[in-house]
Amino acid sequence: MDKLVASVSLAALAAFLFVILGPAREPDLVLIVGLVALMASYDLFLALAGRRRR
């Protein structure tokens, strides 16, 4: 259940970031959105990997 909720929330964040990038494709905005997406994906990976080890 945790994986499902985490996947849905990551997909919602990706959709929100895609909406932000829609009208304005500035290079600095693309960089920030990419960093946010990478940090969220890394956090999801750590959270799910940490549950398996316990």
Protein backbone atom coordinates (compact mmCIF):
# COMPACT_ATOMS: atom_id res chain seq x y z
CA MET A 1 0.00 0.00 0.00
CA ASP A 2 2.87 2.36 0.79
CA LYS A 3 4.38 1.84 -2.66
CA LEU A 4 1.06 2.65 -4.31
CA VAL A 5 0.55 5.88 -2.36
CA ALA A 6 4.15 6.92 -2.92
CA SER A 7 3.90 6.24 -6.65
CA VAL A 8 0.66 8.19 -6.98
CA SER A 9 2.09 11.14 -5.08
CA LEU A 10 5.23 11.15 -7.22
CA ALA A 11 3.06 11.06 -10.35
CA ALA A 12 1.02 13.98 -9.02
CA LEU A 13 4.20 15.96 -8.38
CA ALA A 14 5.41 15.17 -11.90
CA ALA A 15 2.11 16.36 -13.36
CA PHE A 16 2.30 19.58 -11.35
CA LEU A 17 5.88 20.21 -12.48
CA PHE A 18 4.86 19.54 -16.08
CA VAL A 19 2.12 22.18 -15.77
CA ILE A 20 4.64 24.68 -14.44
CA LEU A 21 6.95 24.05 -17.38
CA GLY A 22 4.16 24.31 -19.96
CA PRO A 23 4.02 28.05 -20.67
CA ALA A 24 7.58 28.99 -19.70
CA ARG A 25 10.51 26.92 -20.91
CA GLU A 26 13.27 29.00 -19.35
CA PRO A 27 16.55 27.12 -18.83
CA ASP A 28 16.81 28.01 -15.15
CA LEU A 29 13.23 26.88 -14.51
CA VAL A 30 13.89 23.59 -16.31
CA LEU A 31 16.96 23.09 -14.12
CA ILE A 32 15.06 23.73 -10.88
CA VAL A 33 12.14 21.49 -11.90
CA GLY A 34 14.60 18.74 -12.84
CA LEU A 35 16.35 19.02 -9.50
CA VAL A 36 13.04 18.88 -7.62
CA ALA A 37 12.02 15.78 -9.58
CA LEU A 38 15.37 14.10 -8.88
CA MET A 39 15.22 14.89 -5.16
CA ALA A 40 11.67 13.56 -4.88
CA SER A 41 12.60 10.37 -6.75
CA TYR A 42 15.67 9.86 -4.57
CA ASP A 43 13.65 10.39 -1.40
CA LEU A 44 11.06 7.88 -2.60
CA PHE A 45 13.81 5.37 -3.34
CA LEU A 46 15.37 5.83 0.11
CA ALA A 47 12.03 5.52 1.86
CA LEU A 48 11.11 2.32 0.05
CA ALA A 49 14.59 0.81 0.32
CA GLY A 50 14.72 1.59 4.03
CA ARG A 51 11.51 -0.33 4.69
CA ARG A 52 12.88 -3.48 3.06
CA ARG A 53 15.96 -3.65 5.30
CA ARG A 54 14.06 -3.52 8.58
